[in-house]
Amino acid sequence: MRAVVREGVEMTRATGVTVVVADPQPVVRSGLRTLLASGTGVQVAAEAATWRDAVHLASLHRPDVLIFDLEMCGGNGTDAIAEVLHRAPGVAVLIFTMLDDDASVLAAMRAGASGYLLKSTGDDGILRAIRGLAAGEAVFGSVIARRLTGLLAVPTAPAEAFPGLTARERQVLDLVATGLRNTAIATRLQLSPKTVSNHLSVIFGKLRVDGRSGAIVLAREAGLGRR
């Protein structure tokens, strides 16, 4: 399939949430553009039909959210996620796909995706996910959330997990895995939010994940965050 790249020049003056839509199917790109053009406060900066164009446009436009199909033609979806986060670390990646198997979900989360929706998701769910990701949240569709719960339901021994972390880093990771945000963790541990943020940066590096959602997956697999 020949690459399709459509860029909106007017986006340089845009306000609100911006997205890049990356999907191999023209009908999907068109549908998302129509949805987001309906006074939602979300604007499409560019469209791409290949993963290479998705990486390029995400690094060029630095949107709030990259909407990305794991089945993008011409490349490995998880490799593309990692490349996007390397070149444009402030972009939140929302997986929007038909793939709901365990391997795809976990691979996307470990690569650094911040959200995962199936293409059966309704318009309201898509908009909520985009706004949530733009606000710094991790967002999963109901089907994916149930699947993740099942995948992470078998506990291991938390005391033996992540020996490379300090005791304080393990405390922070444990609270992150329960779903607490930085301000709540800071209050719980009597730290400043900046200190919590610094701890998280070190934790992400030690765990070799690209962000909060990847750390949560690994932490819950190891039995943390089960309070």
Protein backbone atom coordinates (compact mmCIF):
# COMPACT_ATOMS: atom_id res chain seq x y z
CA MET A 1 0.00 0.00 0.00
CA ARG A 2 1.38 3.42 -0.90
CA ALA A 3 1.95 5.73 2.05
CA VAL A 4 -0.67 8.41 2.62
CA VAL A 5 0.36 11.52 4.48
CA ARG A 6 -2.02 14.40 5.00
CA GLU A 7 -0.93 17.38 7.01
CA GLY A 8 -3.08 20.24 8.23
CA VAL A 9 -1.12 23.48 7.85
CA GLU A 10 -3.62 25.31 10.01
CA MET A 11 -2.57 23.14 12.97
CA THR A 12 0.41 25.41 13.62
CA ARG A 13 -2.09 27.89 15.06
CA ALA A 14 -4.32 25.32 16.71
CA THR A 15 -5.28 25.29 20.34
CA GLY A 16 -6.61 22.44 22.44
CA VAL A 17 -5.74 18.78 22.03
CA THR A 18 -3.96 17.73 18.83
CA VAL A 19 -3.60 14.23 17.42
CA VAL A 20 -1.87 12.42 14.61
CA VAL A 21 -3.99 9.58 13.17
CA ALA A 22 -2.00 6.59 11.90
CA ASP A 23 -3.97 3.74 10.36
CA PRO A 24 -3.54 1.68 7.17
CA GLN A 25 -7.25 1.93 6.32
CA PRO A 26 -8.47 5.17 4.66
CA VAL A 27 -12.00 4.60 5.99
CA VAL A 28 -10.71 4.52 9.58
CA ARG A 29 -8.66 7.69 9.13
CA SER A 30 -11.62 9.42 7.52
CA GLY A 31 -13.97 8.30 10.28
CA LEU A 32 -11.68 9.58 13.03
CA ARG A 33 -11.14 12.88 11.24
CA THR A 34 -14.90 13.34 10.89
CA LEU A 35 -15.48 12.49 14.55
CA LEU A 36 -12.80 14.84 15.80
CA ALA A 37 -13.91 17.67 13.52
CA SER A 38 -17.33 17.84 15.17
CA GLY A 39 -16.61 20.56 17.74
CA THR A 40 -14.83 18.19 20.13
CA GLY A 41 -11.88 20.44 20.90
CA VAL A 42 -9.60 17.79 19.40
CA GLN A 43 -7.89 18.55 16.10
CA VAL A 44 -6.09 16.28 13.65
CA ALA A 45 -2.62 17.61 12.86
CA ALA A 46 -1.78 14.91 10.30
CA GLU A 47 -2.62 11.44 8.99
CA ALA A 48 -0.36 8.55 8.06
CA ALA A 49 -0.89 5.13 6.47
CA THR A 50 2.50 3.61 7.32
CA TRP A 51 4.41 3.29 10.56
CA ARG A 52 7.38 5.19 9.19
CA ASP A 53 5.16 8.16 8.34
CA ALA A 54 3.56 7.86 11.78
CA VAL A 55 6.97 8.16 13.45
CA HIS A 56 7.97 11.08 11.21
CA LEU A 57 4.74 13.02 11.72
CA ALA A 58 4.66 12.43 15.45
CA SER A 59 8.20 13.81 15.79
CA LEU A 60 7.39 16.70 13.41
CA HIS A 61 4.08 17.85 14.92
CA ARG A 62 4.59 16.70 18.54
CA PRO A 63 0.84 16.11 19.03
CA ASP A 64 -0.70 15.39 22.41
CA VAL A 65 -1.75 11.94 21.20
CA LEU A 66 -0.71 9.57 18.42
CA ILE A 67 -3.58 7.23 17.48
CA PHE A 68 -1.86 4.13 16.18
CA ASP A 69 -2.94 0.76 14.79
CA LEU A 70 -0.59 -2.09 15.69
CA GLU A 71 -1.29 -3.63 12.28
CA MET A 72 0.27 -0.69 10.43
CA CYS A 73 1.65 -1.94 7.13
CA GLY A 74 5.37 -2.14 6.59
CA GLY A 75 6.69 -2.53 10.11
CA ASN A 76 6.47 -3.89 13.62
CA GLY A 77 3.99 -1.89 15.70
CA THR A 78 5.90 -2.13 18.96
CA ASP A 79 9.12 -1.03 17.29
CA ALA A 80 7.28 2.03 15.99
CA ILE A 81 5.97 2.88 19.46
CA ALA A 82 9.48 2.76 20.88
CA GLU A 83 10.78 4.93 18.03
CA VAL A 84 8.02 7.52 18.52
CA LEU A 85 8.75 7.77 22.24
CA HIS A 86 12.47 8.08 21.53
CA ARG A 87 12.03 10.89 19.01
CA ALA A 88 9.03 12.61 20.59
CA PRO A 89 8.91 11.59 24.29
CA GLY A 90 6.02 13.91 25.14
CA VAL A 91 3.59 12.17 22.79
CA ALA A 92 1.06 9.77 24.34
CA VAL A 93 0.48 6.69 22.14
CA LEU A 94 -3.10 5.40 21.93
CA ILE A 95 -3.36 1.96 20.34
CA PHE A 96 -6.53 1.72 18.25
CA THR A 97 -6.75 -1.74 16.74
CA MET A 98 -8.66 -4.97 16.23
CA LEU A 99 -5.95 -6.98 18.02
CA ASP A 100 -7.03 -8.06 21.49
CA ASP A 101 -4.75 -11.05 22.12
CA ASP A 102 -2.62 -11.19 25.25
CA ALA A 103 0.69 -10.88 23.43
CA SER A 104 -0.33 -7.74 21.51
CA VAL A 105 -1.72 -5.99 24.59
CA LEU A 106 1.31 -6.68 26.78
CA ALA A 107 3.79 -5.91 24.01
CA ALA A 108 2.17 -2.51 23.40
CA MET A 109 2.16 -1.64 27.09
CA ARG A 110 5.79 -2.68 27.53
CA ALA A 111 6.77 -0.63 24.48
CA GLY A 112 5.32 2.44 26.19
CA ALA A 113 1.77 2.86 24.87
CA SER A 114 -0.36 4.90 27.27
CA GLY A 115 -3.73 3.58 26.10
CA TYR A 116 -5.31 0.68 24.25
CA LEU A 117 -8.73 0.69 22.57
CA LEU A 118 -10.42 -1.76 20.26
CA LYS A 119 -11.96 -0.43 17.07
CA SER A 120 -15.38 -1.49 18.35
CA THR A 121 -15.16 1.37 20.90
CA GLY A 122 -17.90 3.98 20.52
CA ASP A 123 -17.31 7.63 19.70
CA ASP A 124 -17.67 8.78 23.32
CA GLY A 125 -15.11 6.22 24.47
CA ILE A 126 -12.63 7.36 21.82
CA LEU A 127 -13.00 11.00 22.83
CA ARG A 128 -12.66 10.20 26.53
CA ALA A 129 -9.51 8.21 25.84
CA ILE A 130 -7.90 10.99 23.78
CA ARG A 131 -8.67 13.63 26.42
CA GLY A 132 -7.51 11.35 29.21
CA LEU A 133 -4.19 10.62 27.52
CA ALA A 134 -3.68 14.32 26.75
CA ALA A 135 -4.16 14.96 30.48
CA GLY A 136 -1.48 12.42 31.38
CA GLU A 137 -3.67 9.44 32.23
CA ALA A 138 -3.32 5.82 31.16
CA VAL A 139 -6.52 4.68 29.43
CA PHE A 140 -7.74 1.19 28.55
CA GLY A 141 -11.03 0.14 26.97
CA SER A 142 -13.27 -2.03 29.13
CA VAL A 143 -12.43 -5.21 27.20
CA ILE A 144 -8.70 -4.55 27.45
CA ALA A 145 -8.94 -3.60 31.13
CA ARG A 146 -10.60 -6.94 31.90
CA ARG A 147 -7.96 -8.75 29.88
CA LEU A 148 -5.15 -6.98 31.73
CA THR A 149 -6.79 -7.80 35.05
CA GLY A 150 -6.80 -11.47 34.07
CA LEU A 151 -3.21 -11.37 32.86
CA LEU A 152 -2.03 -9.78 36.06
CA ALA A 153 -4.16 -11.83 38.46
CA VAL A 154 -1.54 -14.48 39.28
CA PRO A 155 0.62 -13.10 42.10
CA THR A 156 4.32 -13.67 42.54
CA ALA A 157 6.47 -12.88 45.53
CA PRO A 158 6.75 -9.06 45.70
CA ALA A 159 9.67 -9.19 48.13
CA GLU A 160 11.83 -10.87 45.49
CA ALA A 161 10.88 -8.57 42.64
CA PHE A 162 13.15 -5.84 41.22
CA PRO A 163 16.26 -6.32 43.37
CA GLY A 164 17.85 -3.40 41.52
CA LEU A 165 15.44 -0.92 43.08
CA THR A 166 16.02 0.77 46.41
CA ALA A 167 13.47 0.35 49.19
CA ARG A 168 12.07 3.83 48.49
CA GLU A 169 11.86 3.17 44.76
CA ARG A 170 9.94 -0.04 45.47
CA GLN A 171 7.54 1.92 47.67
CA VAL A 172 6.94 4.42 44.89
CA LEU A 173 6.50 1.69 42.28
CA ASP A 174 4.08 -0.19 44.54
CA LEU A 175 1.91 2.92 44.93
CA VAL A 176 2.07 3.67 41.20
CA ALA A 177 0.85 0.12 40.55
CA THR A 178 -2.19 0.77 42.78
CA GLY A 179 -3.19 3.59 40.43
CA LEU A 180 -2.14 6.58 42.55
CA ARG A 181 -0.90 9.73 40.81
CA ASN A 182 2.29 11.55 41.80
CA THR A 183 0.63 14.06 44.15
CA ALA A 184 -1.14 11.30 46.07
CA ILE A 185 2.08 9.27 46.30
CA ALA A 186 3.92 12.34 47.56
CA THR A 187 1.31 12.84 50.28
CA ARG A 188 1.39 9.17 51.28
CA LEU A 189 5.20 9.06 51.54
CA GLN A 190 5.62 12.64 52.83
CA LEU A 191 7.72 13.59 49.82
CA SER A 192 7.51 16.45 47.36
CA PRO A 193 5.87 15.73 43.97
CA LYS A 194 9.19 16.62 42.34
CA THR A 195 10.98 13.95 44.39
CA VAL A 196 8.37 11.38 43.38
CA SER A 197 8.83 12.38 39.74
CA ASN A 198 12.61 11.97 40.08
CA HIS A 199 12.16 8.53 41.65
CA LEU A 200 9.92 7.51 38.75
CA SER A 201 12.47 8.63 36.17
CA VAL A 202 15.07 6.39 37.84
CA ILE A 203 12.58 3.51 38.14
CA PHE A 204 11.65 3.71 34.44
CA GLY A 205 15.32 3.58 33.54
CA LYS A 206 16.07 0.60 35.77
CA LEU A 207 13.03 -1.31 34.52
CA ARG A 208 13.77 -0.32 30.91
CA VAL A 209 10.25 0.93 30.24
CA ASP A 210 9.25 4.13 28.48
CA GLY A 211 6.64 5.34 30.92
CA ARG A 212 4.11 4.83 33.65
CA SER A 213 1.90 2.28 31.89
CA GLY A 214 4.83 -0.05 31.15
CA ALA A 215 6.01 0.18 34.76
CA ILE A 216 2.50 -0.62 36.01
CA VAL A 217 2.32 -3.75 33.86
CA LEU A 218 5.67 -5.05 35.14
CA ALA A 219 4.90 -4.12 38.75
CA ARG A 220 1.55 -5.90 38.76
CA GLU A 221 3.05 -8.94 37.07
CA ALA A 222 5.48 -9.02 40.01
CA GLY A 223 2.69 -8.81 42.56
CA LEU A 224 2.95 -5.14 43.48
CA GLY A 225 0.02 -2.78 43.75
CA ARG A 226 -2.45 -5.37 45.05
CA ARG A 227 -3.76 -3.45 48.02
